[in-house]
Amino acid sequence: MHGQKSRADSHSVKLSDLHAGHKARIIAVRGGRGFRERFSGMGLHIGSELEVLQSSGSNGMILIRTGDTRLMIGHGMAHKIFLRIE
């Protein structure tokens, strides 16, 4: 996990900061074991591509698409997912 943390620096953006229409690739996550397990259980992984379909502002839910799957991500979780915009 340490390598993933170092990659989420100067060229990364948090999922919580993106608006609808942005496409990006997951480059890092920051969180404990429970968070990482939930993240993986949703079918998300380092390297996954996603598109933001809808964002409900700073405290709302974010609707994303990854492959053929659509997921609602809470703002707290989205704040821990770091991306590189494609």
PDB file of N, CA and C in Angstrom:
ATOM      1  N   MET A   1       0.813  -1.194   0.000  1.00  0.00           N
ATOM      2  CA  MET A   1       0.000   0.000   0.000  1.00  0.00           C
ATOM      3  C   MET A   1       0.853   1.252   0.000  1.00  0.00           C
ATOM      4  N   HIS A   2       2.054   1.178   0.510  1.00  0.00           N
ATOM      5  CA  HIS A   2       2.886   2.384   0.553  1.00  0.00           C
ATOM      6  C   HIS A   2       3.170   2.924  -0.835  1.00  0.00           C
ATOM      7  N   GLY A   3       3.415   2.055  -1.820  1.00  0.00           N
ATOM      8  CA  GLY A   3       3.656   2.508  -3.181  1.00  0.00           C
ATOM      9  C   GLY A   3       2.447   3.208  -3.759  1.00  0.00           C
ATOM     10  N   GLN A   4       1.247   2.730  -3.408  1.00  0.00           N
ATOM     11  CA  GLN A   4       0.036   3.350  -3.902  1.00  0.00           C
ATOM     12  C   GLN A   4      -0.123   4.749  -3.324  1.00  0.00           C
ATOM     13  N   LYS A   5       0.202   4.925  -2.066  1.00  0.00           N
ATOM     14  CA  LYS A   5       0.082   6.247  -1.452  1.00  0.00           C
ATOM     15  C   LYS A   5       0.990   7.248  -2.133  1.00  0.00           C
ATOM     16  N   SER A   6       2.215   6.855  -2.451  1.00  0.00           N
ATOM     17  CA  SER A   6       3.149   7.798  -3.041  1.00  0.00           C
ATOM     18  C   SER A   6       2.734   8.189  -4.452  1.00  0.00           C
ATOM     19  N   ARG A   7       1.972   7.338  -5.141  1.00  0.00           N
ATOM     20  CA  ARG A   7       1.540   7.652  -6.492  1.00  0.00           C
ATOM     21  C   ARG A   7       0.404   8.673  -6.497  1.00  0.00           C
ATOM     22  N   ALA A   8      -0.258   8.870  -5.374  1.00  0.00           N
ATOM     23  CA  ALA A   8      -1.402   9.799  -5.313  1.00  0.00           C
ATOM     24  C   ALA A   8      -0.942  11.168  -4.851  1.00  0.00           C
ATOM     25  N   ASP A   9      -0.072  11.785  -5.621  1.00  0.00           N
ATOM     26  CA  ASP A   9       0.457  13.069  -5.208  1.00  0.00           C
ATOM     27  C   ASP A   9       0.145  14.153  -6.238  1.00  0.00           C
ATOM     28  N   SER A  10       1.123  14.578  -7.003  1.00  0.00           N
ATOM     29  CA  SER A  10       1.001  15.780  -7.824  1.00  0.00           C
ATOM     30  C   SER A  10       0.062  15.658  -9.022  1.00  0.00           C
ATOM     31  N   HIS A  11      -0.117  14.466  -9.576  1.00  0.00           N
ATOM     32  CA  HIS A  11      -0.937  14.345 -10.780  1.00  0.00           C
ATOM     33  C   HIS A  11      -2.237  13.604 -10.522  1.00  0.00           C
ATOM     34  N   SER A  12      -2.689  13.597  -9.288  1.00  0.00           N
ATOM     35  CA  SER A  12      -3.913  12.874  -8.964  1.00  0.00           C
ATOM     36  C   SER A  12      -5.006  13.835  -8.512  1.00  0.00           C
ATOM     37  N   VAL A  13      -6.238  13.340  -8.596  1.00  0.00           N
ATOM     38  CA  VAL A  13      -7.407  14.085  -8.157  1.00  0.00           C
ATOM     39  C   VAL A  13      -8.297  13.098  -7.408  1.00  0.00           C
ATOM     40  N   LYS A  14      -9.012  13.593  -6.416  1.00  0.00           N
ATOM     41  CA  LYS A  14      -9.928  12.737  -5.665  1.00  0.00           C
ATOM     42  C   LYS A  14     -11.221  12.563  -6.455  1.00  0.00           C
ATOM     43  N   LEU A  15     -11.814  11.388  -6.347  1.00  0.00           N
ATOM     44  CA  LEU A  15     -13.094  11.149  -7.005  1.00  0.00           C
ATOM     45  C   LEU A  15     -14.123  12.173  -6.559  1.00  0.00           C
ATOM     46  N   SER A  16     -14.070  12.581  -5.318  1.00  0.00           N
ATOM     47  CA  SER A  16     -15.032  13.558  -4.783  1.00  0.00           C
ATOM     48  C   SER A  16     -14.921  14.931  -5.452  1.00  0.00           C
ATOM     49  N   ASP A  17     -13.819  15.206  -6.144  1.00  0.00           N
ATOM     50  CA  ASP A  17     -13.619  16.506  -6.794  1.00  0.00           C
ATOM     51  C   ASP A  17     -14.047  16.532  -8.260  1.00  0.00           C
ATOM     52  N   LEU A  18     -14.424  15.373  -8.811  1.00  0.00           N
ATOM     53  CA  LEU A  18     -14.777  15.317 -10.231  1.00  0.00           C
ATOM     54  C   LEU A  18     -16.254  15.610 -10.452  1.00  0.00           C
ATOM     55  N   HIS A  19     -16.562  16.072 -11.658  1.00  0.00           N
ATOM     56  CA  HIS A  19     -17.929  16.370 -12.060  1.00  0.00           C
ATOM     57  C   HIS A  19     -18.361  15.388 -13.142  1.00  0.00           C
ATOM     58  N   ALA A  20     -19.635  15.350 -13.401  1.00  0.00           N
ATOM     59  CA  ALA A  20     -20.189  14.466 -14.422  1.00  0.00           C
ATOM     60  C   ALA A  20     -19.465  14.656 -15.749  1.00  0.00           C
ATOM     61  N   GLY A  21     -19.213  13.547 -16.410  1.00  0.00           N
ATOM     62  CA  GLY A  21     -18.551  13.576 -17.717  1.00  0.00           C
ATOM     63  C   GLY A  21     -17.074  13.269 -17.670  1.00  0.00           C
ATOM     64  N   HIS A  22     -16.449  13.370 -16.499  1.00  0.00           N
ATOM     65  CA  HIS A  22     -15.023  13.066 -16.400  1.00  0.00           C
ATOM     66  C   HIS A  22     -14.780  11.561 -16.440  1.00  0.00           C
ATOM     67  N   LYS A  23     -13.732  11.171 -17.154  1.00  0.00           N
ATOM     68  CA  LYS A  23     -13.271   9.782 -17.184  1.00  0.00           C
ATOM     69  C   LYS A  23     -11.898   9.755 -16.548  1.00  0.00           C
ATOM     70  N   ALA A  24     -11.643   8.712 -15.761  1.00  0.00           N
ATOM     71  CA  ALA A  24     -10.379   8.649 -15.034  1.00  0.00           C
ATOM     72  C   ALA A  24     -10.030   7.203 -14.715  1.00  0.00           C
ATOM     73  N   ARG A  25      -8.793   6.997 -14.260  1.00  0.00           N
ATOM     74  CA  ARG A  25      -8.305   5.682 -13.858  1.00  0.00           C
ATOM     75  C   ARG A  25      -7.915   5.750 -12.385  1.00  0.00           C
ATOM     76  N   ILE A  26      -8.305   4.740 -11.622  1.00  0.00           N
ATOM     77  CA  ILE A  26      -7.971   4.685 -10.200  1.00  0.00           C
ATOM     78  C   ILE A  26      -6.482   4.397 -10.054  1.00  0.00           C
ATOM     79  N   ILE A  27      -5.784   5.259  -9.303  1.00  0.00           N
ATOM     80  CA  ILE A  27      -4.349   5.057  -9.101  1.00  0.00           C
ATOM     81  C   ILE A  27      -3.989   4.776  -7.651  1.00  0.00           C
ATOM     82  N   ALA A  28      -4.901   5.073  -6.717  1.00  0.00           N
ATOM     83  CA  ALA A  28      -4.604   4.820  -5.304  1.00  0.00           C
ATOM     84  C   ALA A  28      -5.870   4.950  -4.473  1.00  0.00           C
ATOM     85  N   VAL A  29      -5.851   4.296  -3.328  1.00  0.00           N
ATOM     86  CA  VAL A  29      -6.902   4.470  -2.326  1.00  0.00           C
ATOM     87  C   VAL A  29      -6.224   4.672  -0.986  1.00  0.00           C
ATOM     88  N   ARG A  30      -6.856   5.447  -0.144  1.00  0.00           N
ATOM     89  CA  ARG A  30      -6.325   5.672   1.206  1.00  0.00           C
ATOM     90  C   ARG A  30      -7.409   5.289   2.196  1.00  0.00           C
ATOM     91  N   GLY A  31      -7.106   4.306   2.984  1.00  0.00           N
ATOM     92  CA  GLY A  31      -8.077   3.856   3.965  1.00  0.00           C
ATOM     93  C   GLY A  31      -7.589   2.585   4.619  1.00  0.00           C
ATOM     94  N   GLY A  32      -8.276   2.185   5.643  1.00  0.00           N
ATOM     95  CA  GLY A  32      -7.919   0.990   6.380  1.00  0.00           C
ATOM     96  C   GLY A  32      -8.354  -0.277   5.670  1.00  0.00           C
ATOM     97  N   ARG A  33      -8.145  -1.383   6.353  1.00  0.00           N
ATOM     98  CA  ARG A  33      -8.450  -2.686   5.774  1.00  0.00           C
ATOM     99  C   ARG A  33      -9.930  -2.809   5.401  1.00  0.00           C
ATOM    100  N   GLY A  34     -10.806  -2.366   6.284  1.00  0.00           N
ATOM    101  CA  GLY A  34     -12.237  -2.438   6.002  1.00  0.00           C
ATOM    102  C   GLY A  34     -12.618  -1.646   4.769  1.00  0.00           C
ATOM    103  N   PHE A  35     -12.044  -0.460   4.624  1.00  0.00           N
ATOM    104  CA  PHE A  35     -12.320   0.357   3.446  1.00  0.00           C
ATOM    105  C   PHE A  35     -11.827  -0.342   2.182  1.00  0.00           C
ATOM    106  N   ARG A  36     -10.611  -0.868   2.225  1.00  0.00           N
ATOM    107  CA  ARG A  36     -10.053  -1.545   1.050  1.00  0.00           C
ATOM    108  C   ARG A  36     -10.875  -2.773   0.667  1.00  0.00           C
ATOM    109  N   GLU A  37     -11.386  -3.498   1.673  1.00  0.00           N
ATOM    110  CA  GLU A  37     -12.218  -4.664   1.387  1.00  0.00           C
ATOM    111  C   GLU A  37     -13.541  -4.251   0.740  1.00  0.00           C
ATOM    112  N   ARG A  38     -14.135  -3.193   1.246  1.00  0.00           N
ATOM    113  CA  ARG A  38     -15.388  -2.709   0.649  1.00  0.00           C
ATOM    114  C   ARG A  38     -15.145  -2.226  -0.776  1.00  0.00           C
ATOM    115  N   PHE A  39     -14.081  -1.485  -0.974  1.00  0.00           N
ATOM    116  CA  PHE A  39     -13.683  -0.972  -2.287  1.00  0.00           C
ATOM    117  C   PHE A  39     -13.545  -2.126  -3.278  1.00  0.00           C
ATOM    118  N   SER A  40     -12.812  -3.158  -2.883  1.00  0.00           N
ATOM    119  CA  SER A  40     -12.606  -4.324  -3.735  1.00  0.00           C
ATOM    120  C   SER A  40     -13.912  -5.083  -3.953  1.00  0.00           C
ATOM    121  N   GLY A  41     -14.731  -5.188  -2.907  1.00  0.00           N
ATOM    122  CA  GLY A  41     -16.005  -5.873  -3.007  1.00  0.00           C
ATOM    123  C   GLY A  41     -16.974  -5.221  -3.980  1.00  0.00           C
ATOM    124  N   MET A  42     -16.771  -3.959  -4.245  1.00  0.00           N
ATOM    125  CA  MET A  42     -17.606  -3.235  -5.213  1.00  0.00           C
ATOM    126  C   MET A  42     -17.108  -3.458  -6.637  1.00  0.00           C
ATOM    127  N   GLY A  43     -16.021  -4.209  -6.777  1.00  0.00           N
ATOM    128  CA  GLY A  43     -15.461  -4.457  -8.100  1.00  0.00           C
ATOM    129  C   GLY A  43     -14.499  -3.383  -8.556  1.00  0.00           C
ATOM    130  N   LEU A  44     -14.049  -2.535  -7.640  1.00  0.00           N
ATOM    131  CA  LEU A  44     -13.099  -1.467  -7.966  1.00  0.00           C
ATOM    132  C   LEU A  44     -11.698  -1.914  -7.573  1.00  0.00           C
ATOM    133  N   HIS A  45     -10.727  -1.572  -8.399  1.00  0.00           N
ATOM    134  CA  HIS A  45      -9.340  -1.963  -8.165  1.00  0.00           C
ATOM    135  C   HIS A  45      -8.418  -0.877  -8.703  1.00  0.00           C
ATOM    136  N   ILE A  46      -7.196  -0.860  -8.210  1.00  0.00           N
ATOM    137  CA  ILE A  46      -6.188   0.038  -8.775  1.00  0.00           C
ATOM    138  C   ILE A  46      -6.075  -0.307 -10.260  1.00  0.00           C
ATOM    139  N   GLY A  47      -6.153   0.706 -11.099  1.00  0.00           N
ATOM    140  CA  GLY A  47      -6.092   0.503 -12.541  1.00  0.00           C
ATOM    141  C   GLY A  47      -7.452   0.508 -13.214  1.00  0.00           C
ATOM    142  N   SER A  48      -8.530   0.373 -12.447  1.00  0.00           N
ATOM    143  CA  SER A  48      -9.879   0.401 -13.029  1.00  0.00           C
ATOM    144  C   SER A  48     -10.163   1.766 -13.650  1.00  0.00           C
ATOM    145  N   GLU A  49     -10.817   1.738 -14.805  1.00  0.00           N
ATOM    146  CA  GLU A  49     -11.258   2.969 -15.443  1.00  0.00           C
ATOM    147  C   GLU A  49     -12.691   3.240 -15.000  1.00  0.00           C
ATOM    148  N   LEU A  50     -13.024   4.509 -14.823  1.00  0.00           N
ATOM    149  CA  LEU A  50     -14.390   4.866 -14.466  1.00  0.00           C
ATOM    150  C   LEU A  50     -14.781   6.177 -15.110  1.00  0.00           C
ATOM    151  N   GLU A  51     -16.089   6.397 -15.151  1.00  0.00           N
ATOM    152  CA  GLU A  51     -16.648   7.649 -15.642  1.00  0.00           C
ATOM    153  C   GLU A  51     -17.638   8.156 -14.605  1.00  0.00           C
ATOM    154  N   VAL A  52     -17.573   9.439 -14.300  1.00  0.00           N
ATOM    155  CA  VAL A  52     -18.528  10.046 -13.386  1.00  0.00           C
ATOM    156  C   VAL A  52     -19.782  10.376 -14.189  1.00  0.00           C
ATOM    157  N   LEU A  53     -20.910   9.778 -13.795  1.00  0.00           N
ATOM    158  CA  LEU A  53     -22.168  10.020 -14.490  1.00  0.00           C
ATOM    159  C   LEU A  53     -22.968  11.139 -13.844  1.00  0.00           C
ATOM    160  N   GLN A  54     -22.880  11.232 -12.510  1.00  0.00           N
ATOM    161  CA  GLN A  54     -23.631  12.265 -11.789  1.00  0.00           C
ATOM    162  C   GLN A  54     -22.934  12.540 -10.467  1.00  0.00           C
ATOM    163  N   SER A  55     -22.866  13.800 -10.098  1.00  0.00           N
ATOM    164  CA  SER A  55     -22.286  14.197  -8.821  1.00  0.00           C
ATOM    165  C   SER A  55     -23.249  15.154  -8.141  1.00  0.00           C
ATOM    166  N   SER A  56     -23.575  14.851  -6.886  1.00  0.00           N
ATOM    167  CA  SER A  56     -24.572  15.641  -6.160  1.00  0.00           C
ATOM    168  C   SER A  56     -23.955  16.653  -5.207  1.00  0.00           C
ATOM    169  N   GLY A  57     -22.802  17.168  -5.523  1.00  0.00           N
ATOM    170  CA  GLY A  57     -22.184  18.184  -4.687  1.00  0.00           C
ATOM    171  C   GLY A  57     -21.302  17.619  -3.602  1.00  0.00           C
ATOM    172  N   SER A  58     -20.879  18.478  -2.691  1.00  0.00           N
ATOM    173  CA  SER A  58     -19.848  18.121  -1.726  1.00  0.00           C
ATOM    174  C   SER A  58     -20.281  17.122  -0.663  1.00  0.00           C
ATOM    175  N   ASN A  59     -21.565  16.947  -0.421  1.00  0.00           N
ATOM    176  CA  ASN A  59     -22.001  15.998   0.601  1.00  0.00           C
ATOM    177  C   ASN A  59     -22.879  14.886   0.051  1.00  0.00           C
ATOM    178  N   GLY A  60     -23.105  14.876  -1.245  1.00  0.00           N
ATOM    179  CA  GLY A  60     -24.018  13.905  -1.839  1.00  0.00           C
ATOM    180  C   GLY A  60     -23.328  12.671  -2.382  1.00  0.00           C
ATOM    181  N   MET A  61     -24.101  11.914  -3.098  1.00  0.00           N
ATOM    182  CA  MET A  61     -23.624  10.681  -3.702  1.00  0.00           C
ATOM    183  C   MET A  61     -23.062  10.961  -5.093  1.00  0.00           C
ATOM    184  N   ILE A  62     -22.173  10.089  -5.528  1.00  0.00           N
ATOM    185  CA  ILE A  62     -21.578  10.194  -6.849  1.00  0.00           C
ATOM    186  C   ILE A  62     -21.896   8.904  -7.589  1.00  0.00           C
ATOM    187  N   LEU A  63     -22.501   9.029  -8.760  1.00  0.00           N
ATOM    188  CA  LEU A  63     -22.824   7.879  -9.595  1.00  0.00           C
ATOM    189  C   LEU A  63     -21.696   7.705 -10.598  1.00  0.00           C
ATOM    190  N   ILE A  64     -21.093   6.516 -10.588  1.00  0.00           N
ATOM    191  CA  ILE A  64     -19.999   6.231 -11.519  1.00  0.00           C
ATOM    192  C   ILE A  64     -20.336   4.998 -12.347  1.00  0.00           C
ATOM    193  N   ARG A  65     -19.639   4.872 -13.465  1.00  0.00           N
ATOM    194  CA  ARG A  65     -19.720   3.663 -14.282  1.00  0.00           C
ATOM    195  C   ARG A  65     -18.315   3.119 -14.441  1.00  0.00           C
ATOM    196  N   THR A  66     -18.172   1.828 -14.226  1.00  0.00           N
ATOM    197  CA  THR A  66     -16.919   1.142 -14.497  1.00  0.00           C
ATOM    198  C   THR A  66     -17.279  -0.120 -15.265  1.00  0.00           C
ATOM    199  N   GLY A  67     -16.844  -0.203 -16.506  1.00  0.00           N
ATOM    200  CA  GLY A  67     -17.273  -1.297 -17.370  1.00  0.00           C
ATOM    201  C   GLY A  67     -18.773  -1.205 -17.590  1.00  0.00           C
ATOM    202  N   ASP A  68     -19.477  -2.311 -17.361  1.00  0.00           N
ATOM    203  CA  ASP A  68     -20.934  -2.334 -17.511  1.00  0.00           C
ATOM    204  C   ASP A  68     -21.659  -2.102 -16.193  1.00  0.00           C
ATOM    205  N   THR A  69     -20.924  -1.748 -15.146  1.00  0.00           N
ATOM    206  CA  THR A  69     -21.480  -1.608 -13.809  1.00  0.00           C
ATOM    207  C   THR A  69     -21.614  -0.138 -13.425  1.00  0.00           C
ATOM    208  N   ARG A  70     -22.755   0.201 -12.817  1.00  0.00           N
ATOM    209  CA  ARG A  70     -22.966   1.539 -12.260  1.00  0.00           C
ATOM    210  C   ARG A  70     -22.997   1.407 -10.748  1.00  0.00           C
ATOM    211  N   LEU A  71     -22.325   2.328 -10.072  1.00  0.00           N
ATOM    212  CA  LEU A  71     -22.235   2.307  -8.616  1.00  0.00           C
ATOM    213  C   LEU A  71     -22.495   3.692  -8.049  1.00  0.00           C
ATOM    214  N   MET A  72     -23.143   3.736  -6.885  1.00  0.00           N
ATOM    215  CA  MET A  72     -23.290   4.975  -6.133  1.00  0.00           C
ATOM    216  C   MET A  72     -22.226   4.958  -5.049  1.00  0.00           C
ATOM    217  N   ILE A  73     -21.415   5.994  -4.999  1.00  0.00           N
ATOM    218  CA  ILE A  73     -20.334   6.113  -4.031  1.00  0.00           C
ATOM    219  C   ILE A  73     -20.639   7.314  -3.137  1.00  0.00           C
ATOM    220  N   GLY A  74     -20.574   7.114  -1.845  1.00  0.00           N
ATOM    221  CA  GLY A  74     -20.756   8.225  -0.919  1.00  0.00           C
ATOM    222  C   GLY A  74     -19.570   9.178  -0.968  1.00  0.00           C
ATOM    223  N   HIS A  75     -19.807  10.418  -0.571  1.00  0.00           N
ATOM    224  CA  HIS A  75     -18.753  11.438  -0.630  1.00  0.00           C
ATOM    225  C   HIS A  75     -17.545  11.054   0.228  1.00  0.00           C
ATOM    226  N   GLY A  76     -17.769  10.484   1.400  1.00  0.00           N
ATOM    227  CA  GLY A  76     -16.652  10.089   2.260  1.00  0.00           C
ATOM    228  C   GLY A  76     -15.755   9.061   1.611  1.00  0.00           C
ATOM    229  N   MET A  77     -16.355   8.077   0.966  1.00  0.00           N
ATOM    230  CA  MET A  77     -15.579   7.057   0.269  1.00  0.00           C
ATOM    231  C   MET A  77     -14.876   7.675  -0.943  1.00  0.00           C
ATOM    232  N   ALA A  78     -15.595   8.517  -1.691  1.00  0.00           N
ATOM    233  CA  ALA A  78     -15.027   9.145  -2.885  1.00  0.00           C
ATOM    234  C   ALA A  78     -13.833  10.024  -2.550  1.00  0.00           C
ATOM    235  N   HIS A  79     -13.810  10.549  -1.337  1.00  0.00           N
ATOM    236  CA  HIS A  79     -12.703  11.412  -0.893  1.00  0.00           C
ATOM    237  C   HIS A  79     -11.402  10.624  -0.702  1.00  0.00           C
ATOM    238  N   LYS A  80     -11.495   9.298  -0.612  1.00  0.00           N
ATOM    239  CA  LYS A  80     -10.328   8.443  -0.382  1.00  0.00           C
ATOM    240  C   LYS A  80      -9.850   7.737  -1.638  1.00  0.00           C
ATOM    241  N   ILE A  81     -10.504   7.983  -2.771  1.00  0.00           N
ATOM    242  CA  ILE A  81     -10.154   7.332  -4.037  1.00  0.00           C
ATOM    243  C   ILE A  81      -9.460   8.358  -4.926  1.00  0.00           C
ATOM    244  N   PHE A  82      -8.230   8.051  -5.321  1.00  0.00           N
ATOM    245  CA  PHE A  82      -7.418   8.969  -6.109  1.00  0.00           C
ATOM    246  C   PHE A  82      -7.339   8.471  -7.546  1.00  0.00           C
ATOM    247  N   LEU A  83      -7.464   9.422  -8.481  1.00  0.00           N
ATOM    248  CA  LEU A  83      -7.570   9.104  -9.888  1.00  0.00           C
ATOM    249  C   LEU A  83      -6.600   9.923 -10.722  1.00  0.00           C
ATOM    250  N   ARG A  84      -6.352   9.417 -11.908  1.00  0.00           N
ATOM    251  CA  ARG A  84      -5.656  10.178 -12.952  1.00  0.00           C
ATOM    252  C   ARG A  84      -6.664  10.374 -14.066  1.00  0.00           C
ATOM    253  N   ILE A  85      -6.924  11.615 -14.435  1.00  0.00           N
ATOM    254  CA  ILE A  85      -7.896  11.908 -15.471  1.00  0.00           C
ATOM    255  C   ILE A  85      -7.357  11.415 -16.816  1.00  0.00           C
ATOM    256  N   GLU A  86      -8.213  10.718 -17.538  1.00  0.00           N
ATOM    257  CA  GLU A  86      -7.840  10.143 -18.850  1.00  0.00           C
ATOM    258  C   GLU A  86      -8.037  11.178 -19.943  1.00  0.00           C
TER     259      GLU A  86
END
